[in-house]
C-alpha atoms as a PDB file:
ATOM      1  CA  PRO A   1     -79.178  21.897  16.673  1.00  0.00           C
ATOM      2  CA  ALA A   2     -82.424  19.988  16.795  1.00  0.00           C
ATOM      3  CA  PRO A   3     -82.088  16.310  17.781  1.00  0.00           C
ATOM      4  CA  ASP A   4     -82.977  15.142  14.255  1.00  0.00           C
ATOM      5  CA  ALA A   5     -80.339  17.422  12.721  1.00  0.00           C
ATOM      6  CA  ALA A   6     -77.728  16.227  15.212  1.00  0.00           C
ATOM      7  CA  ALA A   7     -78.566  12.578  14.527  1.00  0.00           C
ATOM      8  CA  PHE A   8     -78.352  13.209  10.787  1.00  0.00           C
ATOM      9  CA  SER A   9     -75.001  14.919  11.194  1.00  0.00           C
ATOM     10  CA  GLU A  10     -73.617  12.007  13.215  1.00  0.00           C
ATOM     11  CA  GLN A  11     -74.873   9.557  10.597  1.00  0.00           C
ATOM     12  CA  VAL A  12     -73.258  11.599   7.806  1.00  0.00           C
ATOM     13  CA  LYS A  13     -70.005  11.672   9.753  1.00  0.00           C
ATOM     14  CA  ARG A  14     -70.009   7.897  10.232  1.00  0.00           C
ATOM     15  CA  GLU A  15     -70.815   7.204   6.599  1.00  0.00           C
ATOM     16  CA  ALA A  16     -68.228   9.678   5.285  1.00  0.00           C
ATOM     17  CA  VAL A  17     -65.533   8.228   7.531  1.00  0.00           C
ATOM     18  CA  ARG A  18     -66.373   4.724   6.333  1.00  0.00           C
ATOM     19  CA  VAL A  19     -66.157   5.759   2.673  1.00  0.00           C
ATOM     20  CA  LEU A  20     -62.897   7.645   3.201  1.00  0.00           C
ATOM     21  CA  ILE A  21     -61.289   4.673   4.960  1.00  0.00           C
ATOM     22  CA  ASP A  22     -62.558   2.318   2.238  1.00  0.00           C
ATOM     23  CA  GLN A  23     -61.171   4.539  -0.518  1.00  0.00           C
ATOM     24  CA  LEU A  24     -57.946   5.822   1.041  1.00  0.00           C
ATOM     25  CA  GLY A  25     -57.054   3.321   3.731  1.00  0.00           C
ATOM     26  CA  PRO A  26     -54.759   4.453   6.552  1.00  0.00           C
ATOM     27  CA  MET A  27     -54.038   7.735   4.747  1.00  0.00           C
ATOM     28  CA  ALA A  28     -57.567   8.855   5.686  1.00  0.00           C
ATOM     29  CA  GLU A  29     -57.109   8.333   9.416  1.00  0.00           C
ATOM     30  CA  SER A  30     -56.242  11.928  10.365  1.00  0.00           C
ATOM     31  CA  LEU A  31     -59.073  13.378   8.287  1.00  0.00           C
ATOM     32  CA  ALA A  32     -61.490  10.768   9.648  1.00  0.00           C
ATOM     33  CA  ILE A  33     -60.688  11.803  13.215  1.00  0.00           C
ATOM     34  CA  ARG A  34     -61.256  15.468  12.387  1.00  0.00           C
ATOM     35  CA  ILE A  35     -64.589  14.629  10.719  1.00  0.00           C
ATOM     36  CA  GLU A  36     -65.705  12.703  13.796  1.00  0.00           C
ATOM     37  CA  ARG A  37     -64.836  15.733  15.975  1.00  0.00           C
ATOM     38  CA  ALA A  38     -66.491  18.352  13.738  1.00  0.00           C
ATOM     39  CA  ARG A  39     -68.687  20.658  15.828  1.00  0.00           C
ATOM     40  CA  SER A  40     -70.582  22.568  13.157  1.00  0.00           C
ATOM     41  CA  ALA A  41     -72.103  22.042   9.748  1.00  0.00           C
ATOM     42  CA  ASP A  42     -69.600  24.476   8.234  1.00  0.00           C
ATOM     43  CA  GLU A  43     -66.644  22.657   9.753  1.00  0.00           C
ATOM     44  CA  LEU A  44     -68.026  19.301   8.594  1.00  0.00           C
ATOM     45  CA  ARG A  45     -68.604  20.583   5.078  1.00  0.00           C
ATOM     46  CA  ALA A  46     -65.037  21.926   4.833  1.00  0.00           C
ATOM     47  CA  LEU A  47     -63.666  18.561   5.942  1.00  0.00           C
ATOM     48  CA  LEU A  48     -65.892  16.696   3.486  1.00  0.00           C
ATOM     49  CA  GLU A  49     -64.615  18.965   0.707  1.00  0.00           C
ATOM     50  CA  GLN A  50     -61.070  18.138   1.775  1.00  0.00           C
ATOM     51  CA  GLY A  51     -61.941  14.443   1.647  1.00  0.00           C
ATOM     52  CA  HIS A  52     -63.354  14.932  -1.832  1.00  0.00           C
ATOM     53  CA  ARG A  53     -60.078  16.495  -2.984  1.00  0.00           C
ATOM     54  CA  HIS A  54     -58.035  13.668  -1.488  1.00  0.00           C
ATOM     55  CA  ILE A  55     -60.187  11.034  -3.173  1.00  0.00           C
ATOM     56  CA  ARG A  56     -59.972  12.886  -6.492  1.00  0.00           C
ATOM     57  CA  ASP A  57     -56.197  13.115  -6.261  1.00  0.00           C
ATOM     58  CA  LEU A  58     -55.679   9.488  -5.268  1.00  0.00           C
ATOM     59  CA  ARG A  59     -58.603   7.561  -6.759  1.00  0.00           C
ATOM     60  CA  GLY A  60     -59.729   9.695  -9.687  1.00  0.00           C
ATOM     61  CA  ALA A  61     -62.586  11.915 -10.741  1.00  0.00           C
ATOM     62  CA  PHE A  62     -65.223   9.187 -11.014  1.00  0.00           C
ATOM     63  CA  VAL A  63     -64.806   7.989  -7.420  1.00  0.00           C
ATOM     64  CA  ALA A  64     -64.577  11.588  -6.207  1.00  0.00           C
ATOM     65  CA  ALA A  65     -67.800  12.483  -8.010  1.00  0.00           C
ATOM     66  CA  ALA A  66     -69.607   9.627  -6.257  1.00  0.00           C
ATOM     67  CA  PHE A  67     -68.341  10.925  -2.889  1.00  0.00           C
ATOM     68  CA  ALA A  68     -69.449  14.474  -3.740  1.00  0.00           C
ATOM     69  CA  ASP A  69     -72.875  13.286  -4.904  1.00  0.00           C
ATOM     70  CA  ARG A  70     -73.378  11.457  -1.644  1.00  0.00           C
ATOM     71  CA  PHE A  71     -71.994  13.978   0.847  1.00  0.00           C
ATOM     72  CA  LEU A  72     -71.771  17.401  -0.827  1.00  0.00           C
ATOM     73  CA  ALA A  73     -74.726  17.531  -3.213  1.00  0.00           C
ATOM     74  CA  ASP A  74     -77.152  19.061  -0.703  1.00  0.00           C
ATOM     75  CA  GLU A  75     -76.225  22.660  -1.580  1.00  0.00           C
ATOM     76  CA  THR A  76     -75.637  22.289  -5.330  1.00  0.00           C
ATOM     77  CA  ALA A  77     -78.781  23.125  -7.229  1.00  0.00           C
END
């Protein structure tokens, strides 16, 4: 990918990991590691969707919607 796209992807990864750890604590550790290692946009998106489901199940729909708006909203319109 272009340098700007790669930098954006790394920033998204860092921010998503931070939110997941804040919301789920140690239970997010395995998913956070896989997000940090994601090699493609498709892989990252699938992991972010998994994170969304975990947040929804453990923290509720409102918190999950905020996560989705921040990290998954780019393709919904």
